[in-house]
PDB file of N, CA and C in Angstrom:
ATOM      1  N   MET A   1      29.914  81.772-164.079  1.00  0.00           N
ATOM      2  CA  MET A   1      29.672  82.707-165.161  1.00  0.00           C
ATOM      3  C   MET A   1      28.219  83.202-164.975  1.00  0.00           C
ATOM      4  N   SER A   2      27.580  81.733-165.019  1.00  0.00           N
ATOM      5  CA  SER A   2      25.899  81.840-164.698  1.00  0.00           C
ATOM      6  C   SER A   2      25.267  82.897-163.833  1.00  0.00           C
ATOM      7  N   PHE A   3      26.066  82.230-162.646  1.00  0.00           N
ATOM      8  CA  PHE A   3      25.856  83.262-161.442  1.00  0.00           C
ATOM      9  C   PHE A   3      25.802  84.490-162.000  1.00  0.00           C
ATOM     10  N   LEU A   4      26.872  85.286-162.536  1.00  0.00           N
ATOM     11  CA  LEU A   4      26.928  86.929-162.574  1.00  0.00           C
ATOM     12  C   LEU A   4      25.651  87.175-163.640  1.00  0.00           C
ATOM     13  N   PHE A   5      25.665  86.293-164.653  1.00  0.00           N
ATOM     14  CA  PHE A   5      24.506  86.608-165.590  1.00  0.00           C
ATOM     15  C   PHE A   5      23.202  86.825-165.060  1.00  0.00           C
ATOM     16  N   TYR A   6      22.853  85.482-163.587  1.00  0.00           N
ATOM     17  CA  TYR A   6      21.573  85.733-163.083  1.00  0.00           C
ATOM     18  C   TYR A   6      21.311  87.087-162.356  1.00  0.00           C
ATOM     19  N   ILE A   7      22.689  87.230-161.583  1.00  0.00           N
ATOM     20  CA  ILE A   7      22.613  88.620-160.631  1.00  0.00           C
ATOM     21  C   ILE A   7      22.403  89.904-161.306  1.00  0.00           C
ATOM     22  N   LEU A   8      22.946  90.075-162.502  1.00  0.00           N
ATOM     23  CA  LEU A   8      22.941  91.413-163.650  1.00  0.00           C
ATOM     24  C   LEU A   8      21.594  91.193-164.112  1.00  0.00           C
ATOM     25  N   ALA A   9      21.301  89.742-164.576  1.00  0.00           N
ATOM     26  CA  ALA A   9      19.716  89.815-165.150  1.00  0.00           C
ATOM     27  C   ALA A   9      18.455  90.638-163.802  1.00  0.00           C
ATOM     28  N   ALA A  10      18.998  89.986-162.691  1.00  0.00           N
ATOM     29  CA  ALA A  10      17.996  90.417-161.907  1.00  0.00           C
ATOM     30  C   ALA A  10      17.737  91.892-161.368  1.00  0.00           C
ATOM     31  N   ILE A  11      19.080  92.314-161.114  1.00  0.00           N
ATOM     32  CA  ILE A  11      19.162  93.950-161.263  1.00  0.00           C
ATOM     33  C   ILE A  11      18.201  94.991-162.471  1.00  0.00           C
ATOM     34  N   ALA A  12      18.789  94.220-163.743  1.00  0.00           N
ATOM     35  CA  ALA A  12      17.995  94.811-165.038  1.00  0.00           C
ATOM     36  C   ALA A  12      16.789  94.941-165.071  1.00  0.00           C
ATOM     37  N   GLU A  13      16.038  93.813-164.636  1.00  0.00           N
ATOM     38  CA  GLU A  13      14.989  93.339-164.502  1.00  0.00           C
ATOM     39  C   GLU A  13      13.785  93.971-163.616  1.00  0.00           C
ATOM     40  N   ILE A  14      14.652  93.995-162.273  1.00  0.00           N
ATOM     41  CA  ILE A  14      14.220  95.045-161.443  1.00  0.00           C
ATOM     42  C   ILE A  14      14.196  96.318-161.370  1.00  0.00           C
ATOM     43  N   ALA A  15      15.172  96.794-161.721  1.00  0.00           N
ATOM     44  CA  ALA A  15      15.244  97.911-162.618  1.00  0.00           C
ATOM     45  C   ALA A  15      14.482  98.562-163.218  1.00  0.00           C
ATOM     46  N   GLY A  16      13.659  97.792-164.220  1.00  0.00           N
ATOM     47  CA  GLY A  16      13.041  98.092-165.349  1.00  0.00           C
ATOM     48  C   GLY A  16      11.476  98.189-165.028  1.00  0.00           C
ATOM     49  N   CYS A  17      11.435  97.074-163.919  1.00  0.00           N
ATOM     50  CA  CYS A  17       9.913  97.189-163.262  1.00  0.00           C
ATOM     51  C   CYS A  17       9.715  98.113-162.216  1.00  0.00           C
ATOM     52  N   PHE A  18      10.862  98.813-161.751  1.00  0.00           N
ATOM     53  CA  PHE A  18      10.600  99.520-160.822  1.00  0.00           C
ATOM     54  C   PHE A  18      10.440 100.960-161.368  1.00  0.00           C
ATOM     55  N   ALA A  19      10.992 101.173-162.754  1.00  0.00           N
ATOM     56  CA  ALA A  19      10.833 102.322-163.715  1.00  0.00           C
ATOM     57  C   ALA A  19       9.213 102.745-163.879  1.00  0.00           C
ATOM     58  N   PHE A  20       8.575 101.323-164.087  1.00  0.00           N
ATOM     59  CA  PHE A  20       7.264 101.353-164.516  1.00  0.00           C
ATOM     60  C   PHE A  20       6.262 101.468-163.118  1.00  0.00           C
ATOM     61  N   TRP A  21       6.676 100.711-162.008  1.00  0.00           N
ATOM     62  CA  TRP A  21       6.104 100.951-160.892  1.00  0.00           C
ATOM     63  C   TRP A  21       6.293 102.324-160.751  1.00  0.00           C
ATOM     64  N   ALA A  22       7.597 103.154-160.603  1.00  0.00           N
ATOM     65  CA  ALA A  22       7.675 104.986-160.256  1.00  0.00           C
ATOM     66  C   ALA A  22       6.719 105.579-160.969  1.00  0.00           C
ATOM     67  N   TRP A  23       6.496 105.213-162.258  1.00  0.00           N
ATOM     68  CA  TRP A  23       5.920 106.020-163.521  1.00  0.00           C
ATOM     69  C   TRP A  23       4.173 106.106-162.766  1.00  0.00           C
ATOM     70  N   TRP A  24       3.504 104.705-162.688  1.00  0.00           N
ATOM     71  CA  TRP A  24       2.344 104.203-162.161  1.00  0.00           C
ATOM     72  C   TRP A  24       2.019 104.934-161.163  1.00  0.00           C
ATOM     73  N   LYS A  25       2.890 104.085-159.953  1.00  0.00           N
ATOM     74  CA  LYS A  25       2.386 104.348-158.783  1.00  0.00           C
ATOM     75  C   LYS A  25       3.187 105.645-157.600  1.00  0.00           C
ATOM     76  N   LEU A  26       4.041 106.381-157.981  1.00  0.00           N
ATOM     77  CA  LEU A  26       4.750 107.245-157.970  1.00  0.00           C
ATOM     78  C   LEU A  26       4.617 108.533-158.498  1.00  0.00           C
ATOM     79  N   ASP A  27       3.873 108.620-159.554  1.00  0.00           N
ATOM     80  CA  ASP A  27       3.645 109.699-160.342  1.00  0.00           C
ATOM     81  C   ASP A  27       5.099 110.370-160.955  1.00  0.00           C
ATOM     82  N   LYS A  28       6.387 109.226-161.227  1.00  0.00           N
ATOM     83  CA  LYS A  28       7.152 110.001-161.864  1.00  0.00           C
ATOM     84  C   LYS A  28       7.146 110.206-163.322  1.00  0.00           C
ATOM     85  N   PRO A  29       7.596 111.015-164.176  1.00  0.00           N
ATOM     86  CA  PRO A  29       7.612 110.959-165.737  1.00  0.00           C
ATOM     87  C   PRO A  29       7.376 110.322-166.341  1.00  0.00           C
ATOM     88  N   ILE A  30       6.651 110.328-167.495  1.00  0.00           N
ATOM     89  CA  ILE A  30       6.752 109.254-168.097  1.00  0.00           C
ATOM     90  C   ILE A  30       8.085 109.032-168.806  1.00  0.00           C
ATOM     91  N   TRP A  31       8.766 109.550-169.139  1.00  0.00           N
ATOM     92  CA  TRP A  31      10.354 109.285-169.383  1.00  0.00           C
ATOM     93  C   TRP A  31      11.286 108.373-168.609  1.00  0.00           C
ATOM     94  N   TRP A  32      10.313 108.016-167.766  1.00  0.00           N
ATOM     95  CA  TRP A  32      10.864 106.689-166.778  1.00  0.00           C
ATOM     96  C   TRP A  32      11.084 105.444-167.326  1.00  0.00           C
ATOM     97  N   LEU A  33      10.070 105.605-168.192  1.00  0.00           N
ATOM     98  CA  LEU A  33       9.646 104.371-169.327  1.00  0.00           C
ATOM     99  C   LEU A  33      10.891 103.862-169.896  1.00  0.00           C
ATOM    100  N   VAL A  34      11.448 104.931-170.486  1.00  0.00           N
ATOM    101  CA  VAL A  34      12.480 104.478-171.476  1.00  0.00           C
ATOM    102  C   VAL A  34      13.825 103.967-171.004  1.00  0.00           C
ATOM    103  N   PRO A  35      14.238 104.374-169.985  1.00  0.00           N
ATOM    104  CA  PRO A  35      15.337 103.522-168.992  1.00  0.00           C
ATOM    105  C   PRO A  35      14.711 102.285-168.851  1.00  0.00           C
ATOM    106  N   GLY A  36      13.326 102.159-168.367  1.00  0.00           N
ATOM    107  CA  GLY A  36      12.801 101.005-167.872  1.00  0.00           C
ATOM    108  C   GLY A  36      12.787  99.778-168.996  1.00  0.00           C
ATOM    109  N   MET A  37      12.575 100.320-169.970  1.00  0.00           N
ATOM    110  CA  MET A  37      12.519  99.461-171.134  1.00  0.00           C
ATOM    111  C   MET A  37      13.573  98.945-171.774  1.00  0.00           C
ATOM    112  N   VAL A  38      14.655  99.481-171.423  1.00  0.00           N
ATOM    113  CA  VAL A  38      16.097  99.394-172.113  1.00  0.00           C
ATOM    114  C   VAL A  38      16.833  98.311-171.006  1.00  0.00           C
ATOM    115  N   ALA A  39      16.146  98.590-169.452  1.00  0.00           N
ATOM    116  CA  ALA A  39      16.643  97.523-168.544  1.00  0.00           C
ATOM    117  C   ALA A  39      15.955  96.120-168.640  1.00  0.00           C
ATOM    118  N   LEU A  40      14.632  96.154-168.825  1.00  0.00           N
ATOM    119  CA  LEU A  40      13.836  94.955-169.240  1.00  0.00           C
ATOM    120  C   LEU A  40      14.701  94.201-170.787  1.00  0.00           C
ATOM    121  N   ALA A  41      14.925  95.060-171.805  1.00  0.00           N
ATOM    122  CA  ALA A  41      15.904  94.296-172.932  1.00  0.00           C
ATOM    123  C   ALA A  41      17.282  93.833-172.269  1.00  0.00           C
ATOM    124  N   THR A  42      17.564  94.595-171.685  1.00  0.00           N
ATOM    125  CA  THR A  42      18.986  93.847-171.210  1.00  0.00           C
ATOM    126  C   THR A  42      18.956  92.914-170.420  1.00  0.00           C
ATOM    127  N   PHE A  43      17.462  92.700-169.600  1.00  0.00           N
ATOM    128  CA  PHE A  43      17.139  91.738-168.703  1.00  0.00           C
ATOM    129  C   PHE A  43      17.278  90.160-169.508  1.00  0.00           C
ATOM    130  N   GLY A  44      16.674  90.548-170.724  1.00  0.00           N
ATOM    131  CA  GLY A  44      16.060  89.464-171.575  1.00  0.00           C
ATOM    132  C   GLY A  44      17.428  88.909-172.269  1.00  0.00           C
ATOM    133  N   TRP A  45      18.528  89.915-172.584  1.00  0.00           N
ATOM    134  CA  TRP A  45      19.889  89.419-173.368  1.00  0.00           C
ATOM    135  C   TRP A  45      20.369  88.940-172.559  1.00  0.00           C
ATOM    136  N   LEU A  46      20.549  89.303-171.078  1.00  0.00           N
ATOM    137  CA  LEU A  46      21.264  88.651-169.801  1.00  0.00           C
ATOM    138  C   LEU A  46      21.129  87.319-169.730  1.00  0.00           C
ATOM    139  N   LEU A  47      19.547  87.070-169.575  1.00  0.00           N
ATOM    140  CA  LEU A  47      19.416  85.752-169.093  1.00  0.00           C
ATOM    141  C   LEU A  47      19.668  84.847-170.367  1.00  0.00           C
ATOM    142  N   ALA A  48      19.565  84.951-171.430  1.00  0.00           N
ATOM    143  CA  ALA A  48      19.772  84.328-172.695  1.00  0.00           C
ATOM    144  C   ALA A  48      21.534  83.928-172.745  1.00  0.00           C
ATOM    145  N   GLN A  49      22.041  84.364-172.030  1.00  0.00           N
ATOM    146  CA  GLN A  49      23.547  84.363-171.954  1.00  0.00           C
ATOM    147  C   GLN A  49      23.654  83.155-170.918  1.00  0.00           C
ATOM    148  N   VAL A  50      22.977  82.684-170.084  1.00  0.00           N
ATOM    149  CA  VAL A  50      23.116  81.488-169.158  1.00  0.00           C
ATOM    150  C   VAL A  50      23.449  80.281-170.070  1.00  0.00           C
ATOM    151  N   ASP A  51      24.357  79.206-169.504  1.00  0.00           N
ATOM    152  CA  ASP A  51      25.067  78.273-170.034  1.00  0.00           C
ATOM    153  C   ASP A  51      23.801  77.227-169.815  1.00  0.00           C
ATOM    154  N   THR A  52      22.756  76.987-170.497  1.00  0.00           N
ATOM    155  CA  THR A  52      21.885  75.780-170.394  1.00  0.00           C
ATOM    156  C   THR A  52      21.280  75.322-171.417  1.00  0.00           C
ATOM    157  N   GLY A  53      20.705  74.334-171.830  1.00  0.00           N
ATOM    158  CA  GLY A  53      20.022  73.932-172.904  1.00  0.00           C
ATOM    159  C   GLY A  53      18.721  74.128-173.289  1.00  0.00           C
ATOM    160  N   HIS A  54      18.198  74.380-171.930  1.00  0.00           N
ATOM    161  CA  HIS A  54      16.666  74.531-172.074  1.00  0.00           C
ATOM    162  C   HIS A  54      16.162  76.117-171.259  1.00  0.00           C
ATOM    163  N   ALA A  55      15.757  76.813-172.057  1.00  0.00           N
ATOM    164  CA  ALA A  55      15.505  78.123-171.331  1.00  0.00           C
ATOM    165  C   ALA A  55      14.587  78.189-170.053  1.00  0.00           C
ATOM    166  N   GLY A  56      13.749  77.105-170.202  1.00  0.00           N
ATOM    167  CA  GLY A  56      12.746  76.853-168.894  1.00  0.00           C
ATOM    168  C   GLY A  56      13.640  76.447-167.699  1.00  0.00           C
ATOM    169  N   ARG A  57      14.193  76.070-167.808  1.00  0.00           N
ATOM    170  CA  ARG A  57      15.482  75.853-166.796  1.00  0.00           C
ATOM    171  C   ARG A  57      16.288  76.813-166.620  1.00  0.00           C
ATOM    172  N   ALA A  58      16.679  77.449-167.415  1.00  0.00           N
ATOM    173  CA  ALA A  58      17.355  78.951-166.813  1.00  0.00           C
ATOM    174  C   ALA A  58      16.165  79.825-166.107  1.00  0.00           C
ATOM    175  N   PHE A  59      15.262  79.966-166.773  1.00  0.00           N
ATOM    176  CA  PHE A  59      14.251  80.998-166.130  1.00  0.00           C
ATOM    177  C   PHE A  59      13.545  80.410-164.731  1.00  0.00           C
ATOM    178  N   ALA A  60      13.562  78.685-164.251  1.00  0.00           N
ATOM    179  CA  ALA A  60      13.391  78.248-162.800  1.00  0.00           C
ATOM    180  C   ALA A  60      14.452  78.469-162.108  1.00  0.00           C
ATOM    181  N   ALA A  61      15.504  78.565-162.416  1.00  0.00           N
ATOM    182  CA  ALA A  61      16.728  78.756-161.166  1.00  0.00           C
ATOM    183  C   ALA A  61      17.163  79.880-161.405  1.00  0.00           C
ATOM    184  N   TYR A  62      16.773  80.829-162.254  1.00  0.00           N
ATOM    185  CA  TYR A  62      17.196  82.157-162.327  1.00  0.00           C
ATOM    186  C   TYR A  62      16.147  82.858-161.010  1.00  0.00           C
ATOM    187  N   GLY A  63      14.469  82.221-160.901  1.00  0.00           N
ATOM    188  CA  GLY A  63      13.469  82.578-160.124  1.00  0.00           C
ATOM    189  C   GLY A  63      14.348  82.549-158.449  1.00  0.00           C
ATOM    190  N   GLY A  64      14.747  81.954-158.418  1.00  0.00           N
ATOM    191  CA  GLY A  64      15.569  82.127-156.809  1.00  0.00           C
ATOM    192  C   GLY A  64      16.379  83.466-156.434  1.00  0.00           C
ATOM    193  N   ILE A  65      17.201  83.212-157.744  1.00  0.00           N
ATOM    194  CA  ILE A  65      18.060  84.678-157.346  1.00  0.00           C
ATOM    195  C   ILE A  65      17.374  86.281-157.676  1.00  0.00           C
ATOM    196  N   TYR A  66      16.377  85.911-158.758  1.00  0.00           N
ATOM    197  CA  TYR A  66      15.122  87.074-158.710  1.00  0.00           C
ATOM    198  C   TYR A  66      14.757  87.436-157.291  1.00  0.00           C
ATOM    199  N   ILE A  67      14.177  86.439-156.683  1.00  0.00           N
ATOM    200  CA  ILE A  67      13.357  86.480-155.491  1.00  0.00           C
ATOM    201  C   ILE A  67      14.596  87.243-153.906  1.00  0.00           C
ATOM    202  N   VAL A  68      15.890  86.970-154.328  1.00  0.00           N
ATOM    203  CA  VAL A  68      16.343  87.304-152.888  1.00  0.00           C
ATOM    204  C   VAL A  68      16.982  88.990-153.470  1.00  0.00           C
ATOM    205  N   SER A  69      17.164  88.896-154.911  1.00  0.00           N
ATOM    206  CA  SER A  69      17.499  90.113-155.485  1.00  0.00           C
ATOM    207  C   SER A  69      16.168  91.712-155.048  1.00  0.00           C
ATOM    208  N   ALA A  70      15.033  91.142-155.292  1.00  0.00           N
ATOM    209  CA  ALA A  70      13.992  91.763-155.154  1.00  0.00           C
ATOM    210  C   ALA A  70      13.713  92.179-153.447  1.00  0.00           C
ATOM    211  N   ILE A  71      14.144  91.109-152.570  1.00  0.00           N
ATOM    212  CA  ILE A  71      14.422  91.402-151.375  1.00  0.00           C
ATOM    213  C   ILE A  71      15.718  92.580-150.836  1.00  0.00           C
ATOM    214  N   LEU A  72      16.385  92.232-151.418  1.00  0.00           N
ATOM    215  CA  LEU A  72      17.620  93.339-151.228  1.00  0.00           C
ATOM    216  C   LEU A  72      17.212  94.397-152.086  1.00  0.00           C
ATOM    217  N   TRP A  73      16.774  94.697-152.923  1.00  0.00           N
ATOM    218  CA  TRP A  73      16.291  95.858-153.823  1.00  0.00           C
ATOM    219  C   TRP A  73      15.236  96.841-152.659  1.00  0.00           C
ATOM    220  N   GLY A  74      14.329  95.978-152.338  1.00  0.00           N
ATOM    221  CA  GLY A  74      13.440  96.678-151.089  1.00  0.00           C
ATOM    222  C   GLY A  74      14.327  97.445-150.073  1.00  0.00           C
ATOM    223  N   TRP A  75      15.368  96.346-149.564  1.00  0.00           N
ATOM    224  CA  TRP A  75      16.079  97.278-148.575  1.00  0.00           C
ATOM    225  C   TRP A  75      16.980  98.224-148.876  1.00  0.00           C
ATOM    226  N   ALA A  76      17.592  98.134-150.184  1.00  0.00           N
ATOM    227  CA  ALA A  76      18.800  98.983-150.613  1.00  0.00           C
ATOM    228  C   ALA A  76      17.588 100.214-151.100  1.00  0.00           C
ATOM    229  N   VAL A  77      16.841 100.194-151.866  1.00  0.00           N
ATOM    230  CA  VAL A  77      16.165 101.294-152.644  1.00  0.00           C
ATOM    231  C   VAL A  77      14.834 101.963-151.956  1.00  0.00           C
ATOM    232  N   GLU A  78      14.156 100.887-151.427  1.00  0.00           N
ATOM    233  CA  GLU A  78      13.118 101.725-150.755  1.00  0.00           C
ATOM    234  C   GLU A  78      12.689 101.510-149.379  1.00  0.00           C
ATOM    235  N   GLY A  79      14.067 101.301-148.863  1.00  0.00           N
ATOM    236  CA  GLY A  79      14.310 101.261-147.262  1.00  0.00           C
ATOM    237  C   GLY A  79      13.423 100.265-146.545  1.00  0.00           C
ATOM    238  N   GLN A  80      12.959  98.983-147.239  1.00  0.00           N
ATOM    239  CA  GLN A  80      12.070  97.906-146.509  1.00  0.00           C
ATOM    240  C   GLN A  80      12.777  97.049-145.926  1.00  0.00           C
ATOM    241  N   MET A  81      13.782  97.091-145.080  1.00  0.00           N
ATOM    242  CA  MET A  81      14.305  96.022-143.868  1.00  0.00           C
ATOM    243  C   MET A  81      13.923  94.772-144.122  1.00  0.00           C
ATOM    244  N   PRO A  82      14.626  93.701-144.839  1.00  0.00           N
ATOM    245  CA  PRO A  82      13.852  92.416-144.630  1.00  0.00           C
ATOM    246  C   PRO A  82      13.967  91.795-143.298  1.00  0.00           C
ATOM    247  N   ASP A  83      12.711  91.066-143.386  1.00  0.00           N
ATOM    248  CA  ASP A  83      12.629  90.587-141.785  1.00  0.00           C
ATOM    249  C   ASP A  83      13.151  89.079-141.865  1.00  0.00           C
ATOM    250  N   ARG A  84      12.462  88.187-140.863  1.00  0.00           N
ATOM    251  CA  ARG A  84      13.037  86.640-140.674  1.00  0.00           C
ATOM    252  C   ARG A  84      12.180  85.940-141.713  1.00  0.00           C
ATOM    253  N   TRP A  85      11.086  86.387-142.189  1.00  0.00           N
ATOM    254  CA  TRP A  85      10.199  85.380-143.327  1.00  0.00           C
ATOM    255  C   TRP A  85      11.012  85.713-144.691  1.00  0.00           C
ATOM    256  N   ASP A  86      11.490  86.962-144.540  1.00  0.00           N
ATOM    257  CA  ASP A  86      11.982  87.358-145.954  1.00  0.00           C
ATOM    258  C   ASP A  86      13.378  86.767-146.097  1.00  0.00           C
ATOM    259  N   MET A  87      13.836  86.608-145.006  1.00  0.00           N
ATOM    260  CA  MET A  87      15.157  85.485-145.051  1.00  0.00           C
ATOM    261  C   MET A  87      15.187  84.012-145.539  1.00  0.00           C
ATOM    262  N   ILE A  88      14.320  83.828-144.588  1.00  0.00           N
ATOM    263  CA  ILE A  88      13.903  82.177-144.716  1.00  0.00           C
ATOM    264  C   ILE A  88      13.409  81.691-146.028  1.00  0.00           C
ATOM    265  N   GLY A  89      12.341  82.850-146.412  1.00  0.00           N
ATOM    266  CA  GLY A  89      12.002  82.115-148.047  1.00  0.00           C
ATOM    267  C   GLY A  89      12.948  82.673-149.129  1.00  0.00           C
ATOM    268  N   GLY A  90      13.840  83.635-148.861  1.00  0.00           N
ATOM    269  CA  GLY A  90      14.952  84.009-149.490  1.00  0.00           C
ATOM    270  C   GLY A  90      15.922  82.467-149.700  1.00  0.00           C
ATOM    271  N   ALA A  91      16.305  82.251-148.544  1.00  0.00           N
ATOM    272  CA  ALA A  91      17.304  80.971-148.534  1.00  0.00           C
ATOM    273  C   ALA A  91      16.636  79.864-149.325  1.00  0.00           C
ATOM    274  N   VAL A  92      15.001  79.636-148.844  1.00  0.00           N
ATOM    275  CA  VAL A  92      14.632  78.449-149.641  1.00  0.00           C
ATOM    276  C   VAL A  92      14.550  78.648-150.868  1.00  0.00           C
ATOM    277  N   CYS A  93      14.365  79.816-151.412  1.00  0.00           N
ATOM    278  CA  CYS A  93      14.200  79.700-153.303  1.00  0.00           C
ATOM    279  C   CYS A  93      15.415  79.518-153.730  1.00  0.00           C
ATOM    280  N   LEU A  94      16.826  80.300-152.759  1.00  0.00           N
ATOM    281  CA  LEU A  94      17.990  79.796-153.543  1.00  0.00           C
ATOM    282  C   LEU A  94      18.321  78.355-153.362  1.00  0.00           C
ATOM    283  N   LEU A  95      18.190  77.815-152.551  1.00  0.00           N
ATOM    284  CA  LEU A  95      18.281  76.436-152.502  1.00  0.00           C
ATOM    285  C   LEU A  95      17.133  75.569-153.483  1.00  0.00           C
ATOM    286  N   GLY A  96      16.467  76.316-153.764  1.00  0.00           N
ATOM    287  CA  GLY A  96      15.555  75.429-154.751  1.00  0.00           C
ATOM    288  C   GLY A  96      16.216  75.899-156.374  1.00  0.00           C
ATOM    289  N   ALA A  97      16.892  76.846-156.519  1.00  0.00           N
ATOM    290  CA  ALA A  97      17.545  77.339-157.748  1.00  0.00           C
ATOM    291  C   ALA A  97      18.762  76.431-157.794  1.00  0.00           C
ATOM    292  N   ALA A  98      19.119  76.445-156.685  1.00  0.00           N
ATOM    293  CA  ALA A  98      20.555  75.573-156.705  1.00  0.00           C
ATOM    294  C   ALA A  98      20.228  74.313-157.402  1.00  0.00           C
ATOM    295  N   ILE A  99      19.411  73.743-156.801  1.00  0.00           N
ATOM    296  CA  ILE A  99      18.878  72.027-157.338  1.00  0.00           C
ATOM    297  C   ILE A  99      18.704  72.235-158.586  1.00  0.00           C
ATOM    298  N   ILE A 100      18.100  72.988-159.034  1.00  0.00           N
ATOM    299  CA  ILE A 100      17.275  73.145-160.426  1.00  0.00           C
ATOM    300  C   ILE A 100      18.477  73.157-161.043  1.00  0.00           C
ATOM    301  N   PHE A 101      19.307  73.983-161.021  1.00  0.00           N
ATOM    302  CA  PHE A 101      20.494  74.446-161.832  1.00  0.00           C
ATOM    303  C   PHE A 101      21.498  73.560-161.768  1.00  0.00           C
ATOM    304  N   ALA A 102      22.196  73.245-160.788  1.00  0.00           N
ATOM    305  CA  ALA A 102      23.226  72.282-160.786  1.00  0.00           C
ATOM    306  C   ALA A 102      23.002  70.567-160.517  1.00  0.00           C
ATOM    307  N   GLY A 103      21.853  70.459-160.454  1.00  0.00           N
ATOM    308  CA  GLY A 103      21.256  68.685-160.407  1.00  0.00           C
ATOM    309  C   GLY A 103      21.929  67.992-161.485  1.00  0.00           C
ATOM    310  N   PRO A 104      22.202  66.948-161.427  1.00  0.00           N
ATOM    311  CA  PRO A 104      22.926  66.080-162.396  1.00  0.00           C
ATOM    312  C   PRO A 104      21.379  65.600-163.623  1.00  0.00           C
ATOM    313  N   ARG A 105      22.214  65.855-164.612  1.00  0.00           N
ATOM    314  CA  ARG A 105      21.120  65.202-165.587  1.00  0.00           C
ATOM    315  C   ARG A 105      21.431  63.760-165.991  1.00  0.00           C
ATOM    316  N   ALA A 106      20.729  63.157-166.544  1.00  0.00           N
ATOM    317  CA  ALA A 106      20.856  62.253-167.773  1.00  0.00           C
ATOM    318  C   ALA A 106      21.140  62.597-169.168  1.00  0.00           C
ATOM    319  N   ALA A 107      21.866  62.158-169.717  1.00  0.00           N
ATOM    320  CA  ALA A 107      22.585  62.583-171.132  1.00  0.00           C
ATOM    321  C   ALA A 107      20.910  61.770-171.866  1.00  0.00           C
ATOM    322  N   ILE A 108      20.583  62.570-172.886  1.00  0.00           N
ATOM    323  CA  ILE A 108      19.358  62.215-173.672  1.00  0.00           C
ATOM    324  C   ILE A 108      20.020  61.678-175.226  1.00  0.00           C
ATOM    325  N   THR A 109      20.059  60.795-175.631  1.00  0.00           N
ATOM    326  CA  THR A 109      20.571  59.971-176.826  1.00  0.00           C
ATOM    327  C   THR A 109      19.426  60.012-177.872  1.00  0.00           C
ATOM    328  N   GLY A 110      19.511  60.134-178.881  1.00  0.00           N
ATOM    329  CA  GLY A 110      18.630  60.399-180.203  1.00  0.00           C
ATOM    330  C   GLY A 110      18.423  58.750-180.516  1.00  0.00           C
ATOM    331  N   SER A 111      18.525  57.859-179.825  1.00  0.00           N
ATOM    332  CA  SER A 111      17.789  56.601-180.530  1.00  0.00           C
ATOM    333  C   SER A 111      16.359  56.056-180.277  1.00  0.00           C
TER     334      SER A 111
END
């Protein structure tokens, strides 16, 4: 379930940031910021749903998902075809995210 939250969070974050980018760089109307802010709030809520005891670890693992999602967004929305370096970099980031998220953790006792 965490993976689904990560994917949805990435879409929401990229969409929200793109709304700001489009307003600032592409001369879109200022009302584009409203759905952008809603998307960014949704991103924060979705990321908080990830089942982990530490926010930093959730954010670190999310980073790999975000990077690959940003590459795919560029392809789907902006027509920027990923090259081999995008693909290699994305794969390395996903591997890092998997290690962070799924790595075995020692139990911490309160003694």
